[in-house]
Amino acid sequence: MKIFLLLIVSFIVLSCDKGAKTPEGLLSMYIKDLTSSQIDKDYFEKYTTGELWERVEGLDEEEFKKFVDLSKVKNPEIDITNKNCIADKCTLTYIIKYDVMEKDKKSFGSEVKKIATLVKSGDIWKISDVTNVKSYFEAESAIDVLPED
């Protein structure tokens, strides 16, 4: 009985960590990594392809640093609302919600609806394109959109 229970718990734990082996797993991992860790171009080379990889690869060092600097983004939540797969290509529609922090205080909340195109490459999935569909921002005061130099 204990062995059976241990097998069930192990199966549940292992099945929750799908990473890049499923389109949903890759998208969730990508957003989590992008907002919580310092990632480099090698990460993008491993998990992106097509137009997205070409755009990232074309960035110089300074542009890349700005592109991946999401230090103000906190509490990201992803909700995949639609999945359409044909063979080795999937299109996922999802909503990402997050807070933008300024000096340890919530500056505003954001909700962005996006469409990601993913393609299978060997045993893993890669993101080939991401498009914004709709953005919603909620703030108690005016949002400063001008970058600080």
N, C-alpha and C. Protein backbone atom coordinates (compact mmCIF):
# COMPACT_ATOMS: atom_id res chain seq x y z
N MET A 1 0.83 -1.20 0.00
CA MET A 1 0.00 0.00 0.00
C MET A 1 0.87 1.26 0.00
N LYS A 2 1.93 1.26 0.83
CA LYS A 2 2.81 2.42 0.89
C LYS A 2 3.52 2.64 -0.45
N ILE A 3 3.91 1.55 -1.08
CA ILE A 3 4.58 1.66 -2.38
C ILE A 3 3.62 2.24 -3.41
N PHE A 4 2.38 1.78 -3.40
CA PHE A 4 1.38 2.30 -4.33
C PHE A 4 1.17 3.79 -4.12
N LEU A 5 1.06 4.22 -2.88
CA LEU A 5 0.88 5.64 -2.55
C LEU A 5 2.10 6.45 -2.99
N LEU A 6 3.29 5.91 -2.77
CA LEU A 6 4.52 6.58 -3.18
C LEU A 6 4.58 6.72 -4.71
N LEU A 7 4.17 5.69 -5.43
CA LEU A 7 4.14 5.76 -6.89
C LEU A 7 3.17 6.83 -7.39
N ILE A 8 2.02 6.92 -6.77
CA ILE A 8 1.02 7.93 -7.17
C ILE A 8 1.56 9.33 -6.92
N VAL A 9 2.14 9.56 -5.75
CA VAL A 9 2.70 10.88 -5.44
C VAL A 9 3.83 11.22 -6.40
N SER A 10 4.71 10.27 -6.69
CA SER A 10 5.82 10.50 -7.63
C SER A 10 5.29 10.84 -9.02
N PHE A 11 4.27 10.11 -9.46
CA PHE A 11 3.68 10.37 -10.77
C PHE A 11 3.10 11.77 -10.85
N ILE A 12 2.40 12.18 -9.81
CA ILE A 12 1.80 13.52 -9.78
C ILE A 12 2.88 14.60 -9.83
N VAL A 13 3.92 14.44 -9.05
CA VAL A 13 5.00 15.43 -9.02
C VAL A 13 5.70 15.50 -10.37
N LEU A 14 6.02 14.37 -10.95
CA LEU A 14 6.72 14.36 -12.24
C LEU A 14 5.85 14.86 -13.38
N SER A 15 4.56 14.58 -13.34
CA SER A 15 3.69 15.01 -14.43
C SER A 15 3.41 16.51 -14.39
N CYS A 16 3.61 17.15 -13.27
CA CYS A 16 3.37 18.59 -13.18
C CYS A 16 4.50 19.39 -13.82
N ASP A 17 5.68 18.82 -13.93
CA ASP A 17 6.83 19.54 -14.47
C ASP A 17 7.10 19.10 -15.91
N LYS A 18 6.32 19.63 -16.84
CA LYS A 18 6.45 19.22 -18.23
C LYS A 18 7.43 20.10 -18.99
N GLY A 19 7.71 21.30 -18.50
CA GLY A 19 8.68 22.17 -19.15
C GLY A 19 8.40 22.34 -20.62
N ALA A 20 9.43 22.18 -21.43
CA ALA A 20 9.32 22.43 -22.86
C ALA A 20 8.79 21.23 -23.63
N LYS A 21 8.33 20.20 -22.94
CA LYS A 21 7.82 19.01 -23.63
C LYS A 21 6.38 19.16 -24.08
N THR A 22 5.67 20.18 -23.59
CA THR A 22 4.32 20.50 -24.06
C THR A 22 4.26 21.99 -24.38
N PRO A 23 3.38 22.40 -25.28
CA PRO A 23 3.27 23.83 -25.58
C PRO A 23 2.92 24.67 -24.35
N GLU A 24 1.97 24.17 -23.56
CA GLU A 24 1.56 24.90 -22.35
C GLU A 24 2.69 24.96 -21.34
N GLY A 25 3.42 23.85 -21.19
CA GLY A 25 4.53 23.80 -20.25
C GLY A 25 5.63 24.78 -20.63
N LEU A 26 5.95 24.84 -21.93
CA LEU A 26 6.99 25.76 -22.39
C LEU A 26 6.56 27.20 -22.16
N LEU A 27 5.33 27.54 -22.51
CA LEU A 27 4.87 28.92 -22.35
C LEU A 27 4.90 29.34 -20.89
N SER A 28 4.43 28.49 -20.00
CA SER A 28 4.46 28.80 -18.56
C SER A 28 5.89 28.95 -18.06
N MET A 29 6.77 28.04 -18.47
CA MET A 29 8.17 28.09 -18.06
C MET A 29 8.84 29.36 -18.58
N TYR A 30 8.58 29.70 -19.83
CA TYR A 30 9.17 30.88 -20.47
C TYR A 30 8.78 32.15 -19.72
N ILE A 31 7.51 32.30 -19.40
CA ILE A 31 7.05 33.50 -18.70
C ILE A 31 7.62 33.55 -17.29
N LYS A 32 7.64 32.42 -16.61
CA LYS A 32 8.20 32.37 -15.25
C LYS A 32 9.69 32.74 -15.28
N ASP A 33 10.43 32.13 -16.20
CA ASP A 33 11.87 32.41 -16.29
C ASP A 33 12.15 33.86 -16.69
N LEU A 34 11.37 34.36 -17.63
CA LEU A 34 11.58 35.73 -18.12
C LEU A 34 11.34 36.76 -17.01
N THR A 35 10.41 36.49 -16.12
CA THR A 35 10.08 37.46 -15.08
C THR A 35 10.78 37.20 -13.75
N SER A 36 11.47 36.07 -13.61
CA SER A 36 12.07 35.79 -12.30
C SER A 36 13.56 35.52 -12.34
N SER A 37 14.15 35.34 -13.50
CA SER A 37 15.58 35.07 -13.54
C SER A 37 16.28 35.92 -14.58
N GLN A 38 17.57 35.94 -14.46
CA GLN A 38 18.39 36.64 -15.44
C GLN A 38 18.68 35.64 -16.55
N ILE A 39 18.10 35.85 -17.73
CA ILE A 39 18.32 34.92 -18.82
C ILE A 39 19.19 35.55 -19.89
N ASP A 40 19.85 34.70 -20.66
CA ASP A 40 20.77 35.19 -21.69
C ASP A 40 20.30 34.74 -23.07
N LYS A 41 21.08 35.09 -24.09
CA LYS A 41 20.70 34.73 -25.46
C LYS A 41 20.70 33.22 -25.67
N ASP A 42 21.51 32.49 -24.91
CA ASP A 42 21.52 31.03 -25.03
C ASP A 42 20.15 30.45 -24.68
N TYR A 43 19.49 31.05 -23.68
CA TYR A 43 18.14 30.61 -23.30
C TYR A 43 17.19 30.79 -24.48
N PHE A 44 17.26 31.96 -25.12
CA PHE A 44 16.39 32.23 -26.26
C PHE A 44 16.72 31.30 -27.43
N GLU A 45 18.00 31.02 -27.62
CA GLU A 45 18.39 30.12 -28.71
C GLU A 45 17.81 28.72 -28.48
N LYS A 46 17.75 28.31 -27.21
CA LYS A 46 17.25 26.97 -26.89
C LYS A 46 15.73 26.88 -27.01
N TYR A 47 15.00 27.93 -26.59
CA TYR A 47 13.55 27.84 -26.50
C TYR A 47 12.77 28.69 -27.49
N THR A 48 13.45 29.38 -28.41
CA THR A 48 12.74 30.15 -29.43
C THR A 48 13.27 29.78 -30.81
N THR A 49 12.51 30.14 -31.82
CA THR A 49 12.89 29.86 -33.19
C THR A 49 12.20 30.86 -34.11
N GLY A 50 12.48 30.81 -35.38
CA GLY A 50 11.78 31.64 -36.35
C GLY A 50 11.95 33.13 -36.11
N GLU A 51 10.86 33.88 -36.31
CA GLU A 51 10.89 35.34 -36.20
C GLU A 51 11.35 35.81 -34.82
N LEU A 52 10.87 35.16 -33.78
CA LEU A 52 11.23 35.59 -32.42
C LEU A 52 12.74 35.46 -32.20
N TRP A 53 13.32 34.32 -32.56
CA TRP A 53 14.76 34.14 -32.39
C TRP A 53 15.54 35.12 -33.25
N GLU A 54 15.09 35.38 -34.47
CA GLU A 54 15.78 36.33 -35.35
C GLU A 54 15.79 37.73 -34.74
N ARG A 55 14.67 38.14 -34.15
CA ARG A 55 14.61 39.47 -33.52
C ARG A 55 15.54 39.55 -32.31
N VAL A 56 15.55 38.51 -31.48
CA VAL A 56 16.41 38.50 -30.29
C VAL A 56 17.88 38.44 -30.70
N GLU A 57 18.19 37.60 -31.67
CA GLU A 57 19.57 37.46 -32.13
C GLU A 57 20.10 38.77 -32.71
N GLY A 58 19.23 39.57 -33.32
CA GLY A 58 19.63 40.83 -33.93
C GLY A 58 19.84 41.98 -32.95
N LEU A 59 19.49 41.79 -31.68
CA LEU A 59 19.67 42.85 -30.69
C LEU A 59 21.13 42.96 -30.28
N ASP A 60 21.63 44.20 -30.15
CA ASP A 60 22.98 44.36 -29.60
C ASP A 60 22.90 44.19 -28.08
N GLU A 61 24.04 44.22 -27.42
CA GLU A 61 24.10 43.93 -25.98
C GLU A 61 23.22 44.85 -25.15
N GLU A 62 23.25 46.15 -25.44
CA GLU A 62 22.46 47.13 -24.68
C GLU A 62 20.96 46.92 -24.91
N GLU A 63 20.57 46.70 -26.16
CA GLU A 63 19.16 46.46 -26.47
C GLU A 63 18.67 45.18 -25.80
N PHE A 64 19.51 44.15 -25.79
CA PHE A 64 19.13 42.89 -25.17
C PHE A 64 18.92 43.06 -23.67
N LYS A 65 19.80 43.82 -23.01
CA LYS A 65 19.65 44.07 -21.57
C LYS A 65 18.32 44.74 -21.27
N LYS A 66 17.94 45.73 -22.08
CA LYS A 66 16.65 46.41 -21.89
C LYS A 66 15.49 45.46 -22.16
N PHE A 67 15.64 44.61 -23.17
CA PHE A 67 14.59 43.67 -23.55
C PHE A 67 14.28 42.68 -22.43
N VAL A 68 15.30 42.19 -21.74
CA VAL A 68 15.08 41.17 -20.70
C VAL A 68 14.97 41.76 -19.30
N ASP A 69 15.11 43.08 -19.15
CA ASP A 69 15.00 43.69 -17.82
C ASP A 69 13.53 43.83 -17.43
N LEU A 70 13.05 42.82 -16.72
CA LEU A 70 11.68 42.84 -16.24
C LEU A 70 11.67 42.85 -14.71
N SER A 71 12.66 43.54 -14.14
CA SER A 71 12.81 43.56 -12.69
C SER A 71 11.63 44.23 -11.99
N LYS A 72 10.90 45.09 -12.69
CA LYS A 72 9.75 45.77 -12.09
C LYS A 72 8.47 44.94 -12.17
N VAL A 73 8.50 43.87 -12.94
CA VAL A 73 7.32 43.01 -13.11
C VAL A 73 7.27 41.99 -11.98
N LYS A 74 6.15 41.95 -11.28
CA LYS A 74 5.98 41.03 -10.16
C LYS A 74 4.64 40.31 -10.28
N ASN A 75 4.54 39.17 -9.65
CA ASN A 75 3.30 38.38 -9.56
C ASN A 75 2.70 38.01 -10.91
N PRO A 76 3.48 37.49 -11.85
CA PRO A 76 2.88 37.14 -13.14
C PRO A 76 1.97 35.92 -13.02
N GLU A 77 0.83 35.99 -13.67
CA GLU A 77 -0.11 34.88 -13.73
C GLU A 77 -0.48 34.67 -15.18
N ILE A 78 -0.52 33.42 -15.60
CA ILE A 78 -0.86 33.12 -16.99
C ILE A 78 -2.11 32.25 -17.02
N ASP A 79 -3.00 32.58 -17.96
CA ASP A 79 -4.23 31.82 -18.15
C ASP A 79 -4.34 31.52 -19.65
N ILE A 80 -4.15 30.26 -20.01
CA ILE A 80 -4.25 29.87 -21.42
C ILE A 80 -5.73 29.67 -21.73
N THR A 81 -6.24 30.49 -22.65
CA THR A 81 -7.68 30.48 -22.93
C THR A 81 -8.05 29.67 -24.17
N ASN A 82 -7.09 29.43 -25.06
CA ASN A 82 -7.40 28.68 -26.27
C ASN A 82 -6.14 28.00 -26.79
N LYS A 83 -6.31 26.79 -27.28
CA LYS A 83 -5.19 26.03 -27.84
C LYS A 83 -5.66 25.42 -29.16
N ASN A 84 -4.89 25.67 -30.22
CA ASN A 84 -5.22 25.12 -31.53
C ASN A 84 -3.95 24.50 -32.11
N CYS A 85 -3.92 23.18 -32.19
CA CYS A 85 -2.73 22.48 -32.67
C CYS A 85 -3.02 21.70 -33.94
N ILE A 86 -2.11 21.80 -34.88
CA ILE A 86 -2.14 20.99 -36.09
C ILE A 86 -0.73 20.44 -36.27
N ALA A 87 -0.62 19.12 -36.15
CA ALA A 87 0.67 18.42 -36.26
C ALA A 87 1.68 19.00 -35.26
N ASP A 88 2.78 19.55 -35.75
CA ASP A 88 3.85 20.04 -34.88
C ASP A 88 3.83 21.55 -34.72
N LYS A 89 2.65 22.16 -34.84
CA LYS A 89 2.51 23.61 -34.68
C LYS A 89 1.27 23.90 -33.84
N CYS A 90 1.45 24.72 -32.81
CA CYS A 90 0.34 25.09 -31.93
C CYS A 90 0.24 26.61 -31.82
N THR A 91 -0.99 27.07 -31.71
CA THR A 91 -1.24 28.47 -31.44
C THR A 91 -1.97 28.53 -30.11
N LEU A 92 -1.39 29.24 -29.15
CA LEU A 92 -1.99 29.39 -27.83
C LEU A 92 -2.40 30.84 -27.63
N THR A 93 -3.64 31.04 -27.24
CA THR A 93 -4.10 32.36 -26.84
C THR A 93 -4.07 32.37 -25.32
N TYR A 94 -3.47 33.40 -24.76
CA TYR A 94 -3.35 33.44 -23.30
C TYR A 94 -3.43 34.87 -22.79
N ILE A 95 -3.73 34.98 -21.52
CA ILE A 95 -3.77 36.27 -20.84
C ILE A 95 -2.73 36.23 -19.74
N ILE A 96 -1.87 37.22 -19.73
CA ILE A 96 -0.88 37.32 -18.66
C ILE A 96 -1.22 38.56 -17.83
N LYS A 97 -1.30 38.35 -16.53
CA LYS A 97 -1.57 39.44 -15.59
C LYS A 97 -0.34 39.62 -14.72
N TYR A 98 0.01 40.87 -14.45
CA TYR A 98 1.17 41.13 -13.59
C TYR A 98 1.06 42.54 -13.01
N ASP A 99 1.85 42.76 -11.97
CA ASP A 99 1.94 44.08 -11.34
C ASP A 99 3.29 44.69 -11.71
N VAL A 100 3.29 46.00 -11.90
CA VAL A 100 4.54 46.73 -12.13
C VAL A 100 4.84 47.51 -10.87
N MET A 101 6.02 47.29 -10.32
CA MET A 101 6.40 47.89 -9.04
C MET A 101 7.36 49.06 -9.25
N GLU A 102 7.19 50.08 -8.45
CA GLU A 102 8.09 51.23 -8.40
C GLU A 102 8.43 51.46 -6.93
N LYS A 103 9.70 51.36 -6.59
CA LYS A 103 10.15 51.59 -5.21
C LYS A 103 9.36 50.73 -4.22
N ASP A 104 9.27 49.43 -4.49
CA ASP A 104 8.59 48.46 -3.63
C ASP A 104 7.10 48.75 -3.43
N LYS A 105 6.50 49.49 -4.33
CA LYS A 105 5.08 49.80 -4.24
C LYS A 105 4.46 49.55 -5.62
N LYS A 106 3.26 48.99 -5.62
CA LYS A 106 2.59 48.71 -6.89
C LYS A 106 2.28 50.01 -7.61
N SER A 107 2.83 50.16 -8.80
CA SER A 107 2.59 51.33 -9.62
C SER A 107 1.30 51.17 -10.43
N PHE A 108 1.15 50.00 -11.06
CA PHE A 108 -0.08 49.69 -11.79
C PHE A 108 -0.15 48.20 -12.09
N GLY A 109 -1.35 47.75 -12.40
CA GLY A 109 -1.56 46.37 -12.79
C GLY A 109 -1.76 46.30 -14.29
N SER A 110 -1.39 45.19 -14.87
CA SER A 110 -1.49 45.03 -16.31
C SER A 110 -2.10 43.68 -16.64
N GLU A 111 -2.89 43.66 -17.69
CA GLU A 111 -3.47 42.43 -18.20
C GLU A 111 -3.33 42.48 -19.72
N VAL A 112 -2.60 41.53 -20.29
CA VAL A 112 -2.32 41.55 -21.72
C VAL A 112 -2.75 40.22 -22.34
N LYS A 113 -3.57 40.32 -23.37
CA LYS A 113 -3.98 39.13 -24.12
C LYS A 113 -2.99 38.96 -25.27
N LYS A 114 -2.45 37.75 -25.41
CA LYS A 114 -1.42 37.49 -26.42
C LYS A 114 -1.72 36.20 -27.17
N ILE A 115 -1.10 36.08 -28.32
CA ILE A 115 -1.16 34.84 -29.08
C ILE A 115 0.28 34.40 -29.34
N ALA A 116 0.59 33.16 -28.95
CA ALA A 116 1.92 32.61 -29.16
C ALA A 116 1.84 31.46 -30.16
N THR A 117 2.77 31.44 -31.09
CA THR A 117 2.88 30.33 -32.03
C THR A 117 4.08 29.50 -31.61
N LEU A 118 3.86 28.21 -31.42
CA LEU A 118 4.92 27.30 -30.99
C LEU A 118 5.06 26.18 -32.01
N VAL A 119 6.29 25.75 -32.23
CA VAL A 119 6.56 24.64 -33.15
C VAL A 119 7.41 23.59 -32.44
N LYS A 120 7.18 22.35 -32.79
CA LYS A 120 7.94 21.27 -32.17
C LYS A 120 9.26 21.10 -32.90
N SER A 121 10.33 21.01 -32.12
CA SER A 121 11.67 20.82 -32.66
C SER A 121 12.31 19.65 -31.91
N GLY A 122 12.31 18.49 -32.52
CA GLY A 122 12.81 17.31 -31.82
C GLY A 122 11.84 16.90 -30.73
N ASP A 123 12.36 16.81 -29.50
CA ASP A 123 11.53 16.41 -28.36
C ASP A 123 10.91 17.59 -27.63
N ILE A 124 11.32 18.82 -27.97
CA ILE A 124 10.82 19.98 -27.23
C ILE A 124 10.07 20.93 -28.16
N TRP A 125 9.31 21.81 -27.54
CA TRP A 125 8.60 22.86 -28.26
C TRP A 125 9.41 24.14 -28.18
N LYS A 126 9.27 24.98 -29.21
CA LYS A 126 9.94 26.28 -29.23
C LYS A 126 8.92 27.34 -29.62
N ILE A 127 9.10 28.54 -29.08
CA ILE A 127 8.21 29.66 -29.39
C ILE A 127 8.75 30.35 -30.63
N SER A 128 7.90 30.49 -31.65
CA SER A 128 8.37 31.14 -32.88
C SER A 128 7.85 32.56 -33.03
N ASP A 129 6.75 32.89 -32.38
CA ASP A 129 6.24 34.26 -32.48
C ASP A 129 5.25 34.52 -31.35
N VAL A 130 5.22 35.76 -30.90
CA VAL A 130 4.26 36.21 -29.88
C VAL A 130 3.70 37.54 -30.33
N THR A 131 2.38 37.66 -30.34
CA THR A 131 1.74 38.92 -30.72
C THR A 131 0.81 39.38 -29.62
N ASN A 132 0.82 40.69 -29.37
CA ASN A 132 -0.13 41.27 -28.42
C ASN A 132 -1.45 41.50 -29.13
N VAL A 133 -2.54 41.16 -28.46
CA VAL A 133 -3.87 41.35 -29.02
C VAL A 133 -4.54 42.55 -28.37
N LYS A 134 -4.46 42.60 -27.04
CA LYS A 134 -5.16 43.64 -26.29
C LYS A 134 -4.45 43.84 -24.96
N SER A 135 -4.36 45.10 -24.53
CA SER A 135 -3.73 45.41 -23.25
C SER A 135 -4.68 46.23 -22.39
N TYR A 136 -4.63 45.97 -21.09
CA TYR A 136 -5.45 46.70 -20.14
C TYR A 136 -4.56 47.06 -18.96
N PHE A 137 -4.55 48.33 -18.57
CA PHE A 137 -3.75 48.79 -17.44
C PHE A 137 -4.65 49.44 -16.42
N GLU A 138 -4.39 49.16 -15.15
CA GLU A 138 -5.17 49.75 -14.08
C GLU A 138 -4.22 50.41 -13.08
N ALA A 139 -4.40 51.72 -12.92
CA ALA A 139 -3.52 52.47 -12.01
C ALA A 139 -4.34 53.47 -11.22
N GLU A 140 -3.87 53.76 -10.01
CA GLU A 140 -4.54 54.76 -9.18
C GLU A 140 -4.06 56.17 -9.50
N SER A 141 -2.90 56.27 -10.13
CA SER A 141 -2.37 57.57 -10.55
C SER A 141 -1.85 57.44 -11.99
N ALA A 142 -1.46 58.56 -12.57
CA ALA A 142 -1.00 58.56 -13.96
C ALA A 142 0.22 57.65 -14.13
N ILE A 143 0.27 56.96 -15.25
CA ILE A 143 1.39 56.08 -15.57
C ILE A 143 2.41 56.86 -16.38
N ASP A 144 3.66 56.88 -15.91
CA ASP A 144 4.73 57.58 -16.61
C ASP A 144 5.25 56.66 -17.72
N VAL A 145 4.98 57.02 -18.97
CA VAL A 145 5.38 56.17 -20.09
C VAL A 145 6.73 56.57 -20.68
N LEU A 146 7.28 57.68 -20.26
CA LEU A 146 8.57 58.12 -20.77
C LEU A 146 9.69 57.37 -20.06
N PRO A 147 10.63 56.81 -20.81
CA PRO A 147 11.71 56.05 -20.18
C PRO A 147 12.67 56.97 -19.43
N GLU A 148 13.22 56.42 -18.36
CA GLU A 148 14.23 57.16 -17.60
C GLU A 148 15.57 56.98 -18.28
N ASP A 149 16.30 58.06 -18.51
CA ASP A 149 17.62 57.96 -19.14
C ASP A 149 18.72 58.28 -18.19
